[in-house]
Every structure is written in C-alpha cells, then in structure tokens.
Amino acid sequence: MSEAVAETVAARFSELYGAEPHGVWAAPGRVNLIGEHTDYNDGFVMPFALPHTAVAAVSRREDGVLRLHSADVAGGVAELRLDDLSPESDKNWTAYPAGVVWALREAGHAVTGADIHLSSTVPSGAGLSSSAALEVVVALALNDLFSLGLRGWKLARLCQRAENVYVGAPVGIMDQTASACCEAGHALFLDTRDLSQKQIPFDLAAEGMRLLVVDTQVKHSHSEGEYGKRRAGCEKGAALLGVNALRDVPYDDLDAALSRLGDEEEVRRLVRHIVTENERVERVVSLLESGDDTRAIGPILVEGHASLRDDFRISCPELDLVVDTALASGAVGARMTGGGFGGSAIVLVEEPDVDAITKAVTEAFATAGFTTPRVFEAVPSAGARRLH
C-alpha cells in the first residue's frame, strides 16, 4: 500500500472533520482458493488476501459519538450515538462499521467514540469480502487507538459477530480471518473449528502461473435468503446425522452418511458438497506443501465448481460461462469463488495464456449479452496493518 494512498485518505479526513486523523489503517479483501461454505460447518478453508483494500483514517473520541463517512457512498457524514446502537437497526452501509463498535463494546471493551473516513478498492458484491475488509480495518484501528490488545483471530471473531448479529448476515469466520491474518505470498490454511492456521507458500509467478479473478458484475448479498437457507440445510443435515457439524462426517463414510438421510434429497446434496469440499482443501494443501507442480491443483478447482453448481446449487449462468470458456481456452483450472449467486470466479492459467483467456471470456460474455466482466490478477498480499 503506497504512502500516497494513506496521505490521500488522511487529507480527506482532515477536510471532513477539521483535524488530522490519529492514524490510517488498511485491511484487504480476499479470494478463496478452495473451501467454499465449509467455514460455518467447522471445516477447512484456504483463502489469500488481495492487494485491494479498505482504508480507514480514524481519530478517537471520548464523547460517545461515532461519525462515519465513506468515499464510496453518496452522502455526508453520518453521526450516531454509541448508546443508541442496536442489532439490525441500520440497513445502510454504516451498519458494518457501527456493528464493529457495538460488538467491541458488547464484549466489554471501552470504546468511547470515533471519527472515521473510509475508502475501498475491494469490489462490492463480487464475492471478495468487501464487507469483511471494512469491518476488519475499523476493528484494527479501534484496537490500536483504544489499546485493546486484540489481534488476529480475536478481531476476526468480533467482526464476524458484528456481521452476524448487528448486520444480520449469517456469514462464517473465513472472510474476517483472511483479512486480519493473511500474509503476502501465502495462502491461509484455516481450520474454522479451532481457528488454527498455517501459512502455505503460494508463489504462482515462480512457476510461470497466474490466478485471474473474473468479477461477473452480478451482485449478491449474504443477508438475503438463499445463503441462509444453505446454512440452515447444513445444520439440519448435521442434526439428522447426529454430529455437531458436517466437519465431523468422515470423507470415507460419506456414502453411508448419505444413505442415512433417506429421501432428504436437498440435504443430501448439501452434505455431499461440504464433506467433499473439506477433502478437496486437504488435497490442495498436501500438493502445495509437497512442492508438486501447482498445476496439479487445477482439476481440484474444477471439481469444486461442479460441486457448487450441482450439489450446493449456488452458481449462475455468468459464473458457469467463465469456467466453461476458460477451460475450453486452455486454463489449468477454474471455479466460482465466494458465497455464490453472482460474484466472481477464479481461473488458474499459464502466464502466456492470460491475454487469450481474458479475451475469450470477455467475448463469450458479449455474445451472451451479459455485462462486461472485470478481470484482474490475484496476487497473495498482506493482511490488515497500520499504514500511518
């Protein structure tokens, strides 16, 4: 993150609030390499941080007032009183930073107010965790300004609670943990049950590879019903199978577990995806740790897309078109990523094929009459940090 970005955000803060900020912080969006919808099933995920970030210039207040402004949303400064914050009372963008303040105070941390100016380069609604980046950057800033002593997964847990309870979106823990904990040049192997982490080296450029993100421009919202239905279905499956979470269904016992679900066909599909997806994460980790050619993970990505499309049923025509076109044009692997019903796909490609595959996908969208997709390279980047 360049010093120029921090200076620009700080200067805008000064224009809004009449004084320089006490500091400037950044938190990244993320892309998930493999492990989709496993996080709220106590399973395994493997995200890495993007270079795209939410940046916050923040000053501490002592009067119980929270003032919020975003460079990315039309309107002036929103002013809230901390004592008035309550879950699901706010349906605007301000619910995300306000929810973090609420969650910190509810957990007993003495946050007494803040002035905040936010600016983000994380595409909104693209399945790249723009909301988690917003939450984590605010949490990290308040942690530093109020000397709360929280780091990493503790901040992530509070941000998840803010989104679950205050915003009302039933998200898992992956997005916030990725934003808070990822390291440059690595993917994060995360066990969402105990939040144990392992940084897995992921240097595609060294092998002549690239990972493209294709933002379909189809927006989605986690707080809408379909995501919640999938989560409820997974919880039903765990209850019917007598386990705490679908993480506890062994891959080798999957067929027997599915037979015990009888005619619960929808639940059977959800269970099958979660159990096989956890196994796919473990295979990718094993391949990358063994030093095998990264190209070997390509077919696993393709398996994951088929499972999300056919069993979890959260793909859409645009996502399927990206994957099918990229693979037909020579991509090593491809799959949708994120919560589904829109958002983005990832495409693993040989470096010389980047332009040709990008062109093929863009032309396929034009032929289908879809909005032109946004395509960019995903480079494993640093997690949340203070800039200034």
Protein backbone atom coordinates (compact mmCIF):
# COMPACT_ATOMS: atom_id res chain seq x y z
CA MET A 1 0.00 0.00 0.00
CA SER A 2 1.60 3.25 -1.12
CA GLU A 3 2.19 6.17 1.19
CA ALA A 4 0.27 8.26 -1.34
CA VAL A 5 -2.96 6.35 -0.65
CA ALA A 6 -2.62 6.87 3.10
CA GLU A 7 -1.95 10.57 2.56
CA THR A 8 -4.98 10.95 0.27
CA VAL A 9 -7.34 9.29 2.75
CA ALA A 10 -5.87 11.30 5.63
CA ALA A 11 -6.28 14.55 3.69
CA ARG A 12 -9.95 13.81 3.02
CA PHE A 13 -10.44 13.02 6.70
CA SER A 14 -8.99 16.43 7.58
CA GLU A 15 -11.38 18.15 5.17
CA LEU A 16 -14.36 16.35 6.71
CA TYR A 17 -13.51 16.63 10.39
CA GLY A 18 -11.26 19.68 10.61
CA ALA A 19 -8.22 17.93 12.08
CA GLU A 20 -5.66 15.32 11.10
CA PRO A 21 -6.54 11.68 11.89
CA HIS A 22 -4.78 9.84 14.67
CA GLY A 23 -3.82 7.16 12.14
CA VAL A 24 -4.55 5.36 8.88
CA TRP A 25 -5.12 1.59 8.56
CA ALA A 26 -5.78 -0.90 5.72
CA ALA A 27 -7.45 -4.32 5.53
CA PRO A 28 -7.67 -6.43 2.36
CA GLY A 29 -10.40 -8.25 0.58
CA ARG A 30 -9.78 -11.93 -0.07
CA VAL A 31 -10.23 -14.59 -2.67
CA ASN A 32 -10.80 -18.17 -1.61
CA LEU A 33 -8.61 -20.66 -3.43
CA ILE A 34 -10.65 -23.65 -2.24
CA GLY A 35 -13.07 -24.45 0.60
CA GLU A 36 -16.46 -22.88 -0.09
CA HIS A 37 -19.27 -22.76 2.50
CA THR A 38 -17.23 -25.04 4.75
CA ASP A 39 -16.47 -22.31 7.27
CA TYR A 40 -19.85 -22.31 9.01
CA ASN A 41 -19.67 -26.11 9.07
CA ASP A 42 -16.48 -26.08 11.20
CA GLY A 43 -14.48 -27.14 8.15
CA PHE A 44 -11.35 -26.18 6.23
CA VAL A 45 -10.80 -23.15 4.00
CA MET A 46 -7.86 -21.74 2.06
CA PRO A 47 -8.15 -18.03 1.26
CA PHE A 48 -5.48 -15.47 0.49
CA ALA A 49 -5.54 -11.69 0.75
CA LEU A 50 -5.89 -9.48 -2.31
CA PRO A 51 -3.98 -6.25 -2.94
CA HIS A 52 -7.38 -4.50 -2.93
CA THR A 53 -8.07 -2.92 0.47
CA ALA A 54 -10.42 -0.91 2.61
CA VAL A 55 -8.53 2.04 4.07
CA ALA A 56 -9.65 3.97 7.17
CA ALA A 57 -8.45 7.25 8.60
CA VAL A 58 -9.60 7.33 12.20
CA SER A 59 -9.45 9.51 15.31
CA ARG A 60 -10.52 8.65 18.81
CA ARG A 61 -13.38 10.47 20.55
CA GLU A 62 -14.37 10.49 24.21
CA ASP A 63 -17.97 11.73 24.00
CA GLY A 64 -19.91 8.62 22.94
CA VAL A 65 -20.31 9.82 19.34
CA LEU A 66 -19.46 7.84 16.20
CA ARG A 67 -19.08 9.81 12.97
CA LEU A 68 -18.79 7.90 9.70
CA HIS A 69 -18.06 8.86 6.12
CA SER A 70 -17.33 6.79 3.00
CA ALA A 71 -15.68 7.96 -0.19
CA ASP A 72 -17.58 5.21 -2.00
CA VAL A 73 -21.15 6.07 -0.97
CA ALA A 74 -23.02 9.26 -1.80
CA GLY A 75 -23.91 11.40 1.18
CA GLY A 76 -22.35 13.32 4.01
CA VAL A 77 -21.08 12.37 7.44
CA ALA A 78 -23.40 10.07 9.42
CA GLU A 79 -23.46 10.74 13.16
CA LEU A 80 -24.52 8.05 15.64
CA ARG A 81 -24.55 7.80 19.41
CA LEU A 82 -22.90 4.69 20.80
CA ASP A 83 -25.65 4.19 23.37
CA ASP A 84 -28.22 4.00 20.56
CA LEU A 85 -26.51 1.22 18.59
CA SER A 86 -28.63 -1.93 18.44
CA PRO A 87 -28.65 -5.05 16.21
CA GLU A 88 -30.39 -4.82 12.83
CA SER A 89 -31.40 -1.20 13.47
CA ASP A 90 -29.39 0.05 10.48
CA LYS A 91 -29.88 -1.17 6.89
CA ASN A 92 -27.29 1.16 5.37
CA TRP A 93 -23.55 0.75 4.76
CA THR A 94 -22.94 2.33 8.17
CA ALA A 95 -24.15 -0.90 9.81
CA TYR A 96 -20.78 -2.54 9.13
CA PRO A 97 -18.50 -0.08 10.97
CA ALA A 98 -21.18 0.66 13.59
CA GLY A 99 -21.62 -3.07 14.14
CA VAL A 100 -17.92 -3.41 14.92
CA VAL A 101 -18.15 -0.68 17.53
CA TRP A 102 -21.23 -2.35 19.01
CA ALA A 103 -19.50 -5.75 19.11
CA LEU A 104 -16.41 -4.33 20.82
CA ARG A 105 -18.48 -2.56 23.45
CA GLU A 106 -20.72 -5.57 23.98
CA ALA A 107 -17.57 -7.64 24.64
CA GLY A 108 -16.59 -5.20 27.38
CA HIS A 109 -14.04 -3.09 25.52
CA ALA A 110 -14.08 0.60 26.41
CA VAL A 111 -14.60 2.27 23.03
CA THR A 112 -15.82 5.81 23.65
CA GLY A 113 -16.31 7.14 20.11
CA ALA A 114 -14.52 7.79 16.83
CA ASP A 115 -14.39 9.84 13.67
CA ILE A 116 -13.89 7.56 10.65
CA HIS A 117 -13.37 8.16 6.93
CA LEU A 118 -13.33 5.06 4.72
CA SER A 119 -12.28 4.37 1.14
CA SER A 120 -12.12 0.95 -0.51
CA THR A 121 -10.81 -0.63 -3.70
CA VAL A 122 -12.37 -4.03 -2.91
CA PRO A 123 -15.15 -4.60 -5.47
CA SER A 124 -18.52 -4.60 -3.70
CA GLY A 125 -20.83 -7.56 -4.25
CA ALA A 126 -18.15 -9.51 -6.12
CA GLY A 127 -17.68 -12.26 -3.53
CA LEU A 128 -14.31 -10.79 -2.49
CA SER A 129 -15.22 -9.85 1.10
CA SER A 130 -15.63 -6.11 0.78
CA SER A 131 -17.73 -6.09 3.97
CA ALA A 132 -15.16 -8.08 5.95
CA ALA A 133 -12.39 -5.69 4.84
CA LEU A 134 -14.50 -2.77 6.06
CA GLU A 135 -15.14 -4.43 9.41
CA VAL A 136 -11.55 -5.52 9.99
CA VAL A 137 -10.00 -2.15 9.15
CA VAL A 138 -12.32 -0.42 11.64
CA ALA A 139 -11.68 -3.06 14.30
CA LEU A 140 -7.90 -2.83 13.90
CA ALA A 141 -7.96 0.97 14.07
CA LEU A 142 -10.07 0.98 17.25
CA ASN A 143 -7.93 -1.78 18.72
CA ASP A 144 -4.85 0.39 18.28
CA LEU A 145 -6.42 3.70 19.31
CA PHE A 146 -8.01 2.29 22.47
CA SER A 147 -5.13 -0.10 23.30
CA LEU A 148 -7.46 -3.10 23.44
CA GLY A 149 -4.71 -5.69 22.96
CA LEU A 150 -6.67 -7.73 20.40
CA ARG A 151 -5.02 -9.35 17.40
CA GLY A 152 -5.70 -11.73 14.56
CA TRP A 153 -8.46 -14.23 15.14
CA LYS A 154 -9.86 -12.33 18.16
CA LEU A 155 -10.54 -9.29 16.00
CA ALA A 156 -11.95 -11.59 13.31
CA ARG A 157 -14.39 -13.18 15.77
CA LEU A 158 -15.69 -9.78 16.87
CA CYS A 159 -16.10 -8.68 13.25
CA GLN A 160 -18.00 -11.88 12.45
CA ARG A 161 -20.30 -11.21 15.40
CA ALA A 162 -20.88 -7.69 14.13
CA GLU A 163 -21.97 -9.03 10.74
CA ASN A 164 -23.99 -11.96 12.14
CA VAL A 165 -25.85 -10.10 14.86
CA TYR A 166 -25.73 -6.38 14.09
CA VAL A 167 -25.98 -6.54 10.29
CA GLY A 168 -27.99 -9.76 10.26
CA ALA A 169 -25.90 -11.71 7.71
CA PRO A 170 -25.16 -15.37 8.66
CA VAL A 171 -21.55 -15.40 7.42
CA GLY A 172 -18.86 -17.76 8.64
CA ILE A 173 -15.47 -16.82 10.07
CA MET A 174 -13.30 -17.18 6.94
CA ASP A 175 -13.59 -13.71 5.44
CA GLN A 176 -12.70 -11.75 8.56
CA THR A 177 -9.86 -14.12 9.49
CA ALA A 178 -8.38 -13.90 6.00
CA SER A 179 -8.47 -10.11 6.07
CA ALA A 180 -6.92 -9.99 9.54
CA CYS A 181 -4.36 -12.80 9.32
CA CYS A 182 -3.14 -13.48 5.76
CA GLU A 183 0.50 -12.98 4.80
CA ALA A 184 1.94 -11.83 1.48
CA GLY A 185 2.99 -14.68 -0.81
CA HIS A 186 0.93 -17.25 1.06
CA ALA A 187 -2.49 -18.86 1.19
CA LEU A 188 -4.01 -19.37 4.64
CA PHE A 189 -4.96 -22.94 5.57
CA LEU A 190 -7.54 -22.32 8.29
CA ASP A 191 -9.38 -24.82 10.47
CA THR A 192 -12.55 -22.89 11.25
CA ARG A 193 -13.36 -25.06 14.27
CA ASP A 194 -10.40 -24.06 16.43
CA LEU A 195 -9.07 -21.25 14.20
CA SER A 196 -5.66 -22.92 13.95
CA GLN A 197 -3.78 -21.52 10.97
CA LYS A 198 -0.93 -22.43 8.68
CA GLN A 199 0.60 -20.15 6.09
CA ILE A 200 1.12 -22.14 2.86
CA PRO A 201 3.62 -20.68 0.35
CA PHE A 202 1.77 -19.83 -2.85
CA ASP A 203 4.13 -18.23 -5.38
CA LEU A 204 2.48 -18.72 -8.74
CA ALA A 205 4.81 -16.35 -10.61
CA ALA A 206 7.81 -18.54 -9.76
CA GLU A 207 6.17 -21.37 -11.72
CA GLY A 208 5.06 -19.25 -14.64
CA MET A 209 1.43 -19.29 -13.46
CA ARG A 210 -1.19 -16.65 -12.77
CA LEU A 211 -4.53 -16.69 -10.95
CA LEU A 212 -7.16 -14.44 -12.51
CA VAL A 213 -10.26 -13.17 -10.77
CA VAL A 214 -13.22 -12.67 -13.08
CA ASP A 215 -15.83 -10.42 -11.48
CA THR A 216 -19.06 -11.22 -13.34
CA GLN A 217 -20.60 -7.91 -12.18
CA VAL A 218 -23.59 -9.92 -10.93
CA LYS A 219 -24.15 -8.56 -7.43
CA HIS A 220 -25.11 -10.69 -4.48
CA SER A 221 -25.97 -10.08 -0.84
CA HIS A 222 -25.26 -12.51 2.01
CA SER A 223 -28.07 -11.10 4.09
CA GLU A 224 -30.62 -12.23 1.53
CA GLY A 225 -32.37 -15.57 1.94
CA GLU A 226 -30.55 -18.15 -0.20
CA TYR A 227 -27.30 -18.11 1.76
CA GLY A 228 -29.25 -18.55 5.00
CA LYS A 229 -31.21 -21.44 3.51
CA ARG A 230 -27.99 -23.29 2.66
CA ARG A 231 -26.67 -22.77 6.15
CA ALA A 232 -29.92 -23.98 7.73
CA GLY A 233 -29.86 -27.02 5.44
CA CYS A 234 -26.35 -27.90 6.53
CA GLU A 235 -27.36 -27.59 10.18
CA LYS A 236 -30.32 -29.87 9.51
CA GLY A 237 -28.01 -32.41 7.91
CA ALA A 238 -25.69 -32.39 10.92
CA ALA A 239 -28.66 -32.87 13.26
CA LEU A 240 -30.04 -35.78 11.23
CA LEU A 241 -26.62 -37.44 11.21
CA GLY A 242 -26.09 -36.87 14.93
CA VAL A 243 -22.90 -34.81 14.61
CA ASN A 244 -22.01 -31.37 15.91
CA ALA A 245 -21.19 -30.11 12.41
CA LEU A 246 -20.75 -31.58 8.93
CA ARG A 247 -16.98 -31.34 9.50
CA ASP A 248 -17.45 -34.45 11.65
CA VAL A 249 -18.65 -36.63 8.77
CA PRO A 250 -15.55 -38.53 7.52
CA TYR A 251 -14.97 -38.49 3.78
CA ASP A 252 -14.58 -42.27 3.75
CA ASP A 253 -18.00 -42.64 5.39
CA LEU A 254 -19.82 -40.26 3.07
CA ASP A 255 -21.85 -42.87 1.18
CA ALA A 256 -23.10 -44.41 4.42
CA ALA A 257 -23.99 -40.98 5.79
CA LEU A 258 -25.93 -40.08 2.64
CA SER A 259 -27.88 -43.32 2.82
CA ARG A 260 -28.94 -42.48 6.37
CA LEU A 261 -30.52 -39.25 5.11
CA GLY A 262 -33.11 -41.22 3.16
CA ASP A 263 -35.34 -39.10 0.96
CA GLU A 264 -33.95 -35.75 2.22
CA GLU A 265 -32.54 -35.09 -1.24
CA GLU A 266 -31.78 -31.39 -0.78
CA VAL A 267 -29.98 -32.06 2.49
CA ARG A 268 -28.10 -34.95 0.86
CA ARG A 269 -26.71 -32.59 -1.79
CA LEU A 270 -25.59 -30.05 0.79
CA VAL A 271 -23.90 -32.70 2.92
CA ARG A 272 -22.14 -34.19 -0.10
CA HIS A 273 -20.70 -30.80 -1.07
CA ILE A 274 -19.39 -29.94 2.39
CA VAL A 275 -17.76 -33.32 3.03
CA THR A 276 -16.13 -33.49 -0.40
CA GLU A 277 -15.07 -29.84 -0.25
CA ASN A 278 -13.19 -30.37 3.00
CA GLU A 279 -11.37 -33.26 1.34
CA ARG A 280 -10.54 -31.03 -1.64
CA VAL A 281 -8.96 -28.43 0.67
CA GLU A 282 -6.80 -31.11 2.26
CA ARG A 283 -5.69 -32.34 -1.18
CA VAL A 284 -4.69 -28.85 -2.29
CA VAL A 285 -2.74 -28.25 0.92
CA SER A 286 -0.95 -31.58 0.51
CA LEU A 287 0.01 -30.80 -3.08
CA LEU A 288 1.30 -27.33 -2.31
CA GLU A 289 3.22 -28.44 0.78
CA SER A 290 4.84 -31.33 -1.08
CA GLY A 291 6.33 -28.97 -3.63
CA ASP A 292 4.44 -30.55 -6.52
CA ASP A 293 3.78 -28.51 -9.63
CA THR A 294 0.99 -26.05 -8.77
CA ARG A 295 -0.74 -27.05 -11.99
CA ALA A 296 -1.82 -30.22 -10.17
CA ILE A 297 -4.43 -28.26 -8.19
CA GLY A 298 -6.27 -27.24 -11.38
CA PRO A 299 -8.52 -30.32 -11.63
CA ILE A 300 -9.43 -29.95 -7.95
CA LEU A 301 -10.68 -26.43 -8.60
CA VAL A 302 -12.83 -27.76 -11.42
CA GLU A 303 -14.26 -30.47 -9.12
CA GLY A 304 -15.12 -27.78 -6.60
CA HIS A 305 -17.05 -25.76 -9.17
CA ALA A 306 -19.08 -28.76 -10.26
CA SER A 307 -19.98 -29.45 -6.63
CA LEU A 308 -21.03 -25.85 -6.01
CA ARG A 309 -23.04 -25.82 -9.22
CA ASP A 310 -24.76 -29.20 -8.96
CA ASP A 311 -24.93 -30.04 -5.24
CA PHE A 312 -24.92 -26.68 -3.45
CA ARG A 313 -26.69 -25.01 -6.37
CA ILE A 314 -25.28 -21.54 -5.89
CA SER A 315 -23.71 -20.87 -9.28
CA CYS A 316 -25.33 -18.79 -12.02
CA PRO A 317 -25.10 -18.66 -15.84
CA GLU A 318 -22.38 -16.00 -15.77
CA LEU A 319 -20.15 -17.97 -13.38
CA ASP A 320 -20.64 -21.16 -15.37
CA LEU A 321 -19.77 -19.32 -18.58
CA VAL A 322 -16.49 -18.06 -17.09
CA VAL A 323 -15.47 -21.54 -16.01
CA ASP A 324 -16.53 -23.31 -19.21
CA THR A 325 -14.95 -20.72 -21.50
CA ALA A 326 -11.70 -20.51 -19.56
CA LEU A 327 -11.26 -24.30 -19.51
CA ALA A 328 -12.09 -24.57 -23.22
CA SER A 329 -9.48 -21.87 -23.89
CA GLY A 330 -6.67 -23.69 -22.09
CA ALA A 331 -6.97 -22.72 -18.42
CA VAL A 332 -5.40 -25.16 -15.96
CA GLY A 333 -8.37 -24.87 -13.59
CA ALA A 334 -11.32 -22.64 -12.76
CA ARG A 335 -14.20 -22.37 -10.31
CA MET A 336 -16.62 -19.91 -8.79
CA THR A 337 -15.50 -18.41 -5.51
CA GLY A 338 -17.35 -16.73 -2.66
CA GLY A 339 -20.90 -17.03 -1.43
CA GLY A 340 -22.47 -17.62 -4.82
CA PHE A 341 -25.48 -16.35 -6.79
CA GLY A 342 -23.13 -13.99 -8.61
CA GLY A 343 -19.77 -12.52 -7.71
CA SER A 344 -16.51 -13.88 -9.06
CA ALA A 345 -14.73 -16.91 -10.46
CA ILE A 346 -11.03 -17.72 -10.27
CA VAL A 347 -9.05 -19.02 -13.23
CA LEU A 348 -5.63 -20.70 -12.95
CA VAL A 349 -3.66 -20.06 -16.13
CA GLU A 350 -0.21 -20.34 -17.65
CA GLU A 351 1.36 -16.87 -17.83
CA PRO A 352 1.48 -16.77 -21.67
CA ASP A 353 -2.25 -17.57 -21.85
CA VAL A 354 -3.50 -14.67 -19.69
CA ASP A 355 -4.46 -12.34 -22.55
CA ALA A 356 -6.02 -15.03 -24.73
CA ILE A 357 -8.17 -16.44 -21.92
CA THR A 358 -9.20 -12.96 -20.77
CA LYS A 359 -10.22 -12.14 -24.35
CA ALA A 360 -12.15 -15.40 -24.73
CA VAL A 361 -14.14 -14.85 -21.53
CA THR A 362 -14.89 -11.22 -22.40
CA GLU A 363 -16.07 -12.17 -25.88
CA ALA A 364 -18.22 -15.00 -24.52
CA PHE A 365 -19.96 -12.53 -22.20
CA ALA A 366 -20.59 -10.15 -25.09
CA THR A 367 -22.05 -12.96 -27.20
CA ALA A 368 -24.34 -14.00 -24.34
CA GLY A 369 -25.49 -10.42 -23.78
CA PHE A 370 -24.00 -10.26 -20.29
CA THR A 371 -22.39 -7.20 -18.69
CA THR A 372 -18.68 -6.99 -19.49
CA PRO A 373 -16.76 -8.76 -16.69
CA ARG A 374 -13.90 -7.22 -14.77
CA VAL A 375 -10.74 -9.36 -14.93
CA PHE A 376 -7.65 -8.84 -12.77
CA GLU A 377 -4.76 -10.83 -11.38
CA ALA A 378 -4.97 -12.07 -7.79
CA VAL A 379 -1.61 -11.70 -6.04
CA PRO A 380 -1.36 -13.12 -2.48
CA SER A 381 -0.94 -9.99 -0.38
CA ALA A 382 -0.56 -8.78 3.20
CA GLY A 383 -3.32 -8.82 5.78
CA ALA A 384 -4.59 -5.92 7.89
CA ARG A 385 -1.99 -3.41 9.06
CA ARG A 386 -1.40 0.18 10.13
CA LEU A 387 -0.20 2.46 7.33
CA HIS A 388 0.42 5.72 9.13
